[in-house]
Full PDB file with SEQRES, HELIX, SHEET, SSBOND, CRYST1, ORIGX, SCALE, CONECT and MASTER records, all heavy atoms in Angstrom:
SEQRES   1 A   29  SER PHE VAL GLY GLN ILE ALA GLY ALA ALA THR ILE PHE          
SEQRES   2 A   29  THR TRP VAL PHE ILE ALA SER LEU ILE THR TRP ALA VAL          
SEQRES   3 A   29  ILE LYS LEU                                                  
HELIX    1 AA1 PHE A    2  LYS A   28  1                                  27    
CRYST1    1.000    1.000    1.000  90.00  90.00  90.00 P 1           1          
ORIGX1      1.000000  0.000000  0.000000        0.00000                         
ORIGX2      0.000000  1.000000  0.000000        0.00000                         
ORIGX3      0.000000  0.000000  1.000000        0.00000                         
SCALE1      1.000000  0.000000  0.000000        0.00000                         
SCALE2      0.000000  1.000000  0.000000        0.00000                         
SCALE3      0.000000  0.000000  1.000000        0.00000                         
ATOM      1  N   SER A   1     125.999   8.659 -17.170  1.00  0.00           N  
ATOM      2  CA  SER A   1     126.723   9.368 -16.111  1.00  0.00           C  
ATOM      3  C   SER A   1     127.988   8.599 -15.757  1.00  0.00           C  
ATOM      4  O   SER A   1     128.046   7.373 -15.895  1.00  0.00           O  
ATOM      5  CB  SER A   1     125.848   9.511 -14.862  1.00  0.00           C  
ATOM      6  OG  SER A   1     125.679   8.255 -14.217  1.00  0.00           O  
ATOM      7  N   PHE A   2     129.000   9.324 -15.306  1.00  0.00           N  
ATOM      8  CA  PHE A   2     130.253   8.668 -14.909  1.00  0.00           C  
ATOM      9  C   PHE A   2     130.024   7.732 -13.727  1.00  0.00           C  
ATOM     10  O   PHE A   2     130.598   6.639 -13.668  1.00  0.00           O  
ATOM     11  CB  PHE A   2     131.309   9.721 -14.557  1.00  0.00           C  
ATOM     12  CG  PHE A   2     131.929  10.385 -15.742  1.00  0.00           C  
ATOM     13  CD1 PHE A   2     131.624  11.705 -16.054  1.00  0.00           C  
ATOM     14  CD2 PHE A   2     132.806   9.696 -16.567  1.00  0.00           C  
ATOM     15  CE1 PHE A   2     132.194  12.330 -17.167  1.00  0.00           C  
ATOM     16  CE2 PHE A   2     133.381  10.306 -17.672  1.00  0.00           C  
ATOM     17  CZ  PHE A   2     133.076  11.628 -17.976  1.00  0.00           C  
ATOM     18  N   VAL A   3     129.163   8.140 -12.804  1.00  0.00           N  
ATOM     19  CA  VAL A   3     128.859   7.283 -11.650  1.00  0.00           C  
ATOM     20  C   VAL A   3     128.205   5.987 -12.121  1.00  0.00           C  
ATOM     21  O   VAL A   3     128.552   4.882 -11.673  1.00  0.00           O  
ATOM     22  CB  VAL A   3     127.941   8.021 -10.649  1.00  0.00           C  
ATOM     23  CG1 VAL A   3     127.459   7.056  -9.556  1.00  0.00           C  
ATOM     24  CG2 VAL A   3     128.672   9.199 -10.023  1.00  0.00           C  
ATOM     25  N   GLY A   4     127.246   6.116 -13.041  1.00  0.00           N  
ATOM     26  CA  GLY A   4     126.576   4.935 -13.580  1.00  0.00           C  
ATOM     27  C   GLY A   4     127.532   4.028 -14.330  1.00  0.00           C  
ATOM     28  O   GLY A   4     127.454   2.789 -14.218  1.00  0.00           O  
ATOM     29  N   GLN A   5     128.462   4.622 -15.093  1.00  0.00           N  
ATOM     30  CA  GLN A   5     129.432   3.826 -15.853  1.00  0.00           C  
ATOM     31  C   GLN A   5     130.373   3.071 -14.928  1.00  0.00           C  
ATOM     32  O   GLN A   5     130.683   1.899 -15.159  1.00  0.00           O  
ATOM     33  CB  GLN A   5     130.234   4.721 -16.802  1.00  0.00           C  
ATOM     34  CG  GLN A   5     129.417   5.417 -17.887  1.00  0.00           C  
ATOM     35  CD  GLN A   5     128.619   4.458 -18.745  1.00  0.00           C  
ATOM     36  OE1 GLN A   5     127.445   4.201 -18.502  1.00  0.00           O  
ATOM     37  NE2 GLN A   5     129.264   3.895 -19.752  1.00  0.00           N  
ATOM     38  N   ILE A   6     130.827   3.747 -13.872  1.00  0.00           N  
ATOM     39  CA  ILE A   6     131.724   3.095 -12.908  1.00  0.00           C  
ATOM     40  C   ILE A   6     130.989   1.979 -12.169  1.00  0.00           C  
ATOM     41  O   ILE A   6     131.521   0.878 -11.978  1.00  0.00           O  
ATOM     42  CB  ILE A   6     132.289   4.138 -11.920  1.00  0.00           C  
ATOM     43  CG1 ILE A   6     133.230   5.106 -12.661  1.00  0.00           C  
ATOM     44  CG2 ILE A   6     133.039   3.452 -10.772  1.00  0.00           C  
ATOM     45  CD1 ILE A   6     133.633   6.325 -11.848  1.00  0.00           C  
ATOM     46  N   ALA A   7     129.741   2.254 -11.775  1.00  0.00           N  
ATOM     47  CA  ALA A   7     128.950   1.234 -11.084  1.00  0.00           C  
ATOM     48  C   ALA A   7     128.706   0.029 -11.974  1.00  0.00           C  
ATOM     49  O   ALA A   7     128.803  -1.128 -11.533  1.00  0.00           O  
ATOM     50  CB  ALA A   7     127.615   1.834 -10.629  1.00  0.00           C  
ATOM     51  N   GLY A   8     128.398   0.295 -13.244  1.00  0.00           N  
ATOM     52  CA  GLY A   8     128.166  -0.798 -14.188  1.00  0.00           C  
ATOM     53  C   GLY A   8     129.414  -1.624 -14.414  1.00  0.00           C  
ATOM     54  O   GLY A   8     129.372  -2.860 -14.407  1.00  0.00           O  
ATOM     55  N   ALA A   9     130.551  -0.938 -14.604  1.00  0.00           N  
ATOM     56  CA  ALA A   9     131.811  -1.640 -14.823  1.00  0.00           C  
ATOM     57  C   ALA A   9     132.182  -2.487 -13.604  1.00  0.00           C  
ATOM     58  O   ALA A   9     132.606  -3.645 -13.739  1.00  0.00           O  
ATOM     59  CB  ALA A   9     132.923  -0.636 -15.129  1.00  0.00           C  
ATOM     60  N   ALA A  10     132.009  -1.920 -12.423  1.00  0.00           N  
ATOM     61  CA  ALA A  10     132.340  -2.647 -11.192  1.00  0.00           C  
ATOM     62  C   ALA A  10     131.440  -3.865 -11.011  1.00  0.00           C  
ATOM     63  O   ALA A  10     131.893  -4.945 -10.614  1.00  0.00           O  
ATOM     64  CB  ALA A  10     132.215  -1.715  -9.988  1.00  0.00           C  
ATOM     65  N   THR A  11     130.155  -3.695 -11.321  1.00  0.00           N  
ATOM     66  CA  THR A  11     129.204  -4.810 -11.193  1.00  0.00           C  
ATOM     67  C   THR A  11     129.545  -5.937 -12.149  1.00  0.00           C  
ATOM     68  O   THR A  11     129.594  -7.110 -11.764  1.00  0.00           O  
ATOM     69  CB  THR A  11     127.767  -4.317 -11.452  1.00  0.00           C  
ATOM     70  OG1 THR A  11     127.441  -3.292 -10.513  1.00  0.00           O  
ATOM     71  CG2 THR A  11     126.772  -5.455 -11.329  1.00  0.00           C  
ATOM     72  N   ILE A  12     129.776  -5.577 -13.408  1.00  0.00           N  
ATOM     73  CA  ILE A  12     130.097  -6.586 -14.424  1.00  0.00           C  
ATOM     74  C   ILE A  12     131.376  -7.330 -14.053  1.00  0.00           C  
ATOM     75  O   ILE A  12     131.409  -8.566 -14.038  1.00  0.00           O  
ATOM     76  CB  ILE A  12     130.238  -5.925 -15.817  1.00  0.00           C  
ATOM     77  CG1 ILE A  12     128.894  -5.391 -16.302  1.00  0.00           C  
ATOM     78  CG2 ILE A  12     130.810  -6.924 -16.831  1.00  0.00           C  
ATOM     79  CD1 ILE A  12     128.998  -4.475 -17.510  1.00  0.00           C  
ATOM     80  N   PHE A  13     132.431  -6.571 -13.747  1.00  0.00           N  
ATOM     81  CA  PHE A  13     133.715  -7.208 -13.464  1.00  0.00           C  
ATOM     82  C   PHE A  13     133.641  -8.081 -12.215  1.00  0.00           C  
ATOM     83  O   PHE A  13     134.121  -9.223 -12.214  1.00  0.00           O  
ATOM     84  CB  PHE A  13     134.817  -6.161 -13.300  1.00  0.00           C  
ATOM     85  CG  PHE A  13     136.165  -6.771 -13.002  1.00  0.00           C  
ATOM     86  CD1 PHE A  13     136.964  -7.241 -14.036  1.00  0.00           C  
ATOM     87  CD2 PHE A  13     136.617  -6.918 -11.698  1.00  0.00           C  
ATOM     88  CE1 PHE A  13     138.193  -7.832 -13.778  1.00  0.00           C  
ATOM     89  CE2 PHE A  13     137.838  -7.506 -11.429  1.00  0.00           C  
ATOM     90  CZ  PHE A  13     138.630  -7.961 -12.474  1.00  0.00           C  
ATOM     91  N   THR A  14     133.045  -7.553 -11.163  1.00  0.00           N  
ATOM     92  CA  THR A  14     133.000  -8.302  -9.897  1.00  0.00           C  
ATOM     93  C   THR A  14     132.243  -9.616 -10.061  1.00  0.00           C  
ATOM     94  O   THR A  14     132.721 -10.682  -9.641  1.00  0.00           O  
ATOM     95  CB  THR A  14     132.337  -7.449  -8.800  1.00  0.00           C  
ATOM     96  OG1 THR A  14     133.078  -6.229  -8.639  1.00  0.00           O  
ATOM     97  CG2 THR A  14     132.315  -8.204  -7.475  1.00  0.00           C  
ATOM     98  N   TRP A  15     131.065  -9.548 -10.674  1.00  0.00           N  
ATOM     99  CA  TRP A  15     130.266 -10.756 -10.844  1.00  0.00           C  
ATOM    100  C   TRP A  15     130.976 -11.777 -11.728  1.00  0.00           C  
ATOM    101  O   TRP A  15     131.131 -12.941 -11.359  1.00  0.00           O  
ATOM    102  CB  TRP A  15     128.894 -10.431 -11.417  1.00  0.00           C  
ATOM    103  CG  TRP A  15     128.222 -11.618 -12.044  1.00  0.00           C  
ATOM    104  CD1 TRP A  15     127.985 -11.833 -13.373  1.00  0.00           C  
ATOM    105  CD2 TRP A  15     127.731 -12.796 -11.372  1.00  0.00           C  
ATOM    106  NE1 TRP A  15     127.377 -13.046 -13.585  1.00  0.00           N  
ATOM    107  CE2 TRP A  15     127.205 -13.661 -12.367  1.00  0.00           C  
ATOM    108  CE3 TRP A  15     127.687 -13.196 -10.036  1.00  0.00           C  
ATOM    109  CZ2 TRP A  15     126.649 -14.906 -12.063  1.00  0.00           C  
ATOM    110  CZ3 TRP A  15     127.133 -14.438  -9.727  1.00  0.00           C  
ATOM    111  CH2 TRP A  15     126.612 -15.272 -10.731  1.00  0.00           C  
ATOM    112  N   VAL A  16     131.415 -11.334 -12.891  1.00  0.00           N  
ATOM    113  CA  VAL A  16     132.003 -12.280 -13.842  1.00  0.00           C  
ATOM    114  C   VAL A  16     133.314 -12.842 -13.301  1.00  0.00           C  
ATOM    115  O   VAL A  16     133.573 -14.051 -13.409  1.00  0.00           O  
ATOM    116  CB  VAL A  16     132.214 -11.618 -15.222  1.00  0.00           C  
ATOM    117  CG1 VAL A  16     132.915 -12.586 -16.174  1.00  0.00           C  
ATOM    118  CG2 VAL A  16     130.881 -11.175 -15.818  1.00  0.00           C  
ATOM    119  N   PHE A  17     134.144 -11.995 -12.700  1.00  0.00           N  
ATOM    120  CA  PHE A  17     135.428 -12.463 -12.191  1.00  0.00           C  
ATOM    121  C   PHE A  17     135.242 -13.480 -11.058  1.00  0.00           C  
ATOM    122  O   PHE A  17     135.852 -14.563 -11.076  1.00  0.00           O  
ATOM    123  CB  PHE A  17     136.271 -11.284 -11.696  1.00  0.00           C  
ATOM    124  CG  PHE A  17     137.625 -11.688 -11.155  1.00  0.00           C  
ATOM    125  CD1 PHE A  17     138.672 -11.978 -12.014  1.00  0.00           C  
ATOM    126  CD2 PHE A  17     137.837 -11.798  -9.787  1.00  0.00           C  
ATOM    127  CE1 PHE A  17     139.912 -12.368 -11.523  1.00  0.00           C  
ATOM    128  CE2 PHE A  17     139.070 -12.186  -9.294  1.00  0.00           C  
ATOM    129  CZ  PHE A  17     140.109 -12.469 -10.159  1.00  0.00           C  
ATOM    130  N   ILE A  18     134.394 -13.154 -10.087  1.00  0.00           N  
ATOM    131  CA  ILE A  18     134.217 -14.060  -8.941  1.00  0.00           C  
ATOM    132  C   ILE A  18     133.537 -15.358  -9.374  1.00  0.00           C  
ATOM    133  O   ILE A  18     133.963 -16.463  -8.993  1.00  0.00           O  
ATOM    134  CB  ILE A  18     133.424 -13.363  -7.821  1.00  0.00           C  
ATOM    135  CG1 ILE A  18     134.258 -12.219  -7.226  1.00  0.00           C  
ATOM    136  CG2 ILE A  18     133.029 -14.361  -6.727  1.00  0.00           C  
ATOM    137  CD1 ILE A  18     133.527 -11.382  -6.203  1.00  0.00           C  
ATOM    138  N   ALA A  19     132.475 -15.242 -10.169  1.00  0.00           N  
ATOM    139  CA  ALA A  19     131.770 -16.445 -10.631  1.00  0.00           C  
ATOM    140  C   ALA A  19     132.687 -17.320 -11.479  1.00  0.00           C  
ATOM    141  O   ALA A  19     132.679 -18.559 -11.363  1.00  0.00           O  
ATOM    142  CB  ALA A  19     130.530 -16.055 -11.429  1.00  0.00           C  
ATOM    143  N   SER A  20     133.506 -16.685 -12.313  1.00  0.00           N  
ATOM    144  CA  SER A  20     134.441 -17.437 -13.159  1.00  0.00           C  
ATOM    145  C   SER A  20     135.535 -18.085 -12.325  1.00  0.00           C  
ATOM    146  O   SER A  20     135.918 -19.237 -12.567  1.00  0.00           O  
ATOM    147  CB  SER A  20     135.071 -16.509 -14.208  1.00  0.00           C  
ATOM    148  OG  SER A  20     134.090 -15.981 -15.072  1.00  0.00           O  
ATOM    149  N   LEU A  21     136.046 -17.347 -11.343  1.00  0.00           N  
ATOM    150  CA  LEU A  21     137.105 -17.878 -10.479  1.00  0.00           C  
ATOM    151  C   LEU A  21     136.626 -19.134  -9.746  1.00  0.00           C  
ATOM    152  O   LEU A  21     137.344 -20.139  -9.669  1.00  0.00           O  
ATOM    153  CB  LEU A  21     137.546 -16.805  -9.478  1.00  0.00           C  
ATOM    154  CG  LEU A  21     138.847 -17.069  -8.713  1.00  0.00           C  
ATOM    155  CD1 LEU A  21     140.042 -17.059  -9.667  1.00  0.00           C  
ATOM    156  CD2 LEU A  21     139.034 -16.009  -7.627  1.00  0.00           C  
ATOM    157  N   ILE A  22     135.398 -19.081  -9.250  1.00  0.00           N  
ATOM    158  CA  ILE A  22     134.823 -20.245  -8.560  1.00  0.00           C  
ATOM    159  C   ILE A  22     134.665 -21.413  -9.532  1.00  0.00           C  
ATOM    160  O   ILE A  22     135.006 -22.570  -9.221  1.00  0.00           O  
ATOM    161  CB  ILE A  22     133.472 -19.878  -7.917  1.00  0.00           C  
ATOM    162  CG1 ILE A  22     133.685 -18.868  -6.784  1.00  0.00           C  
ATOM    163  CG2 ILE A  22     132.752 -21.125  -7.407  1.00  0.00           C  
ATOM    164  CD1 ILE A  22     132.400 -18.258  -6.252  1.00  0.00           C  
ATOM    165  N   THR A  23     134.156 -21.115 -10.728  1.00  0.00           N  
ATOM    166  CA  THR A  23     133.948 -22.168 -11.735  1.00  0.00           C  
ATOM    167  C   THR A  23     135.268 -22.799 -12.156  1.00  0.00           C  
ATOM    168  O   THR A  23     135.401 -24.029 -12.217  1.00  0.00           O  
ATOM    169  CB  THR A  23     133.223 -21.596 -12.971  1.00  0.00           C  
ATOM    170  OG1 THR A  23     132.014 -20.949 -12.554  1.00  0.00           O  
ATOM    171  CG2 THR A  23     132.895 -22.698 -13.968  1.00  0.00           C  
ATOM    172  N   TRP A  24     136.264 -21.953 -12.456  1.00  0.00           N  
ATOM    173  CA  TRP A  24     137.595 -22.462 -12.820  1.00  0.00           C  
ATOM    174  C   TRP A  24     138.165 -23.317 -11.685  1.00  0.00           C  
ATOM    175  O   TRP A  24     138.774 -24.371 -11.930  1.00  0.00           O  
ATOM    176  CB  TRP A  24     138.557 -21.312 -13.114  1.00  0.00           C  
ATOM    177  CG  TRP A  24     138.394 -20.545 -14.388  1.00  0.00           C  
ATOM    178  CD1 TRP A  24     138.216 -19.200 -14.509  1.00  0.00           C  
ATOM    179  CD2 TRP A  24     138.435 -21.045 -15.731  1.00  0.00           C  
ATOM    180  NE1 TRP A  24     138.146 -18.831 -15.832  1.00  0.00           N  
ATOM    181  CE2 TRP A  24     138.280 -19.944 -16.609  1.00  0.00           C  
ATOM    182  CE3 TRP A  24     138.602 -22.323 -16.284  1.00  0.00           C  
ATOM    183  CZ2 TRP A  24     138.281 -20.074 -17.989  1.00  0.00           C  
ATOM    184  CZ3 TRP A  24     138.590 -22.447 -17.673  1.00  0.00           C  
ATOM    185  CH2 TRP A  24     138.432 -21.344 -18.504  1.00  0.00           C  
ATOM    186  N   ALA A  25     137.992 -22.856 -10.439  1.00  0.00           N  
ATOM    187  CA  ALA A  25     138.552 -23.576  -9.285  1.00  0.00           C  
ATOM    188  C   ALA A  25     137.920 -24.951  -9.127  1.00  0.00           C  
ATOM    189  O   ALA A  25     138.614 -25.939  -8.823  1.00  0.00           O  
ATOM    190  CB  ALA A  25     138.360 -22.750  -8.018  1.00  0.00           C  
ATOM    191  N   VAL A  26     136.607 -25.026  -9.337  1.00  0.00           N  
ATOM    192  CA  VAL A  26     135.921 -26.323  -9.243  1.00  0.00           C  
ATOM    193  C   VAL A  26     136.417 -27.263 -10.339  1.00  0.00           C  
ATOM    194  O   VAL A  26     136.696 -28.449 -10.100  1.00  0.00           O  
ATOM    195  CB  VAL A  26     134.392 -26.129  -9.328  1.00  0.00           C  
ATOM    196  CG1 VAL A  26     133.690 -27.478  -9.457  1.00  0.00           C  
ATOM    197  CG2 VAL A  26     133.890 -25.381  -8.099  1.00  0.00           C  
ATOM    198  N   ILE A  27     136.540 -26.739 -11.553  1.00  0.00           N  
ATOM    199  CA  ILE A  27     137.034 -27.558 -12.670  1.00  0.00           C  
ATOM    200  C   ILE A  27     138.456 -28.031 -12.393  1.00  0.00           C  
ATOM    201  O   ILE A  27     138.814 -29.194 -12.643  1.00  0.00           O  
ATOM    202  CB  ILE A  27     136.971 -26.765 -13.990  1.00  0.00           C  
ATOM    203  CG1 ILE A  27     135.515 -26.470 -14.360  1.00  0.00           C  
ATOM    204  CG2 ILE A  27     137.651 -27.547 -15.128  1.00  0.00           C  
ATOM    205  CD1 ILE A  27     135.357 -25.515 -15.534  1.00  0.00           C  
ATOM    206  N   LYS A  28     139.279 -27.131 -11.847  1.00  0.00           N  
ATOM    207  CA  LYS A  28     140.661 -27.497 -11.515  1.00  0.00           C  
ATOM    208  C   LYS A  28     140.692 -28.615 -10.482  1.00  0.00           C  
ATOM    209  O   LYS A  28     141.511 -29.548 -10.576  1.00  0.00           O  
ATOM    210  CB  LYS A  28     141.402 -26.262 -10.985  1.00  0.00           C  
ATOM    211  CG  LYS A  28     142.865 -26.519 -10.664  1.00  0.00           C  
ATOM    212  CD  LYS A  28     143.571 -25.235 -10.220  1.00  0.00           C  
ATOM    213  CE  LYS A  28     145.058 -25.476  -9.967  1.00  0.00           C  
ATOM    214  NZ  LYS A  28     145.759 -24.231  -9.559  1.00  0.00           N  
ATOM    215  N   LEU A  29     139.800 -28.543  -9.520  1.00  0.00           N  
ATOM    216  CA  LEU A  29     139.741 -29.546  -8.460  1.00  0.00           C  
ATOM    217  C   LEU A  29     139.283 -30.902  -8.991  1.00  0.00           C  
ATOM    218  O   LEU A  29     139.788 -31.953  -8.582  1.00  0.00           O  
ATOM    219  CB  LEU A  29     138.785 -29.063  -7.361  1.00  0.00           C  
ATOM    220  CG  LEU A  29     138.758 -29.855  -6.057  1.00  0.00           C  
ATOM    221  CD1 LEU A  29     140.102 -29.756  -5.338  1.00  0.00           C  
ATOM    222  CD2 LEU A  29     137.624 -29.359  -5.158  1.00  0.00           C  
TER     223      LEU A  29                                                      
MASTER        0    0    0    1    0    0    0    6  222    1    0    3          
END                                                                             
């Protein structure tokens, strides 16, 4: 379903982007 695809895409992007941003920031620090 389009709703399921959008929800899946949003979940994947949000989790990976935020978790990666935090990880990159710690490494940078």
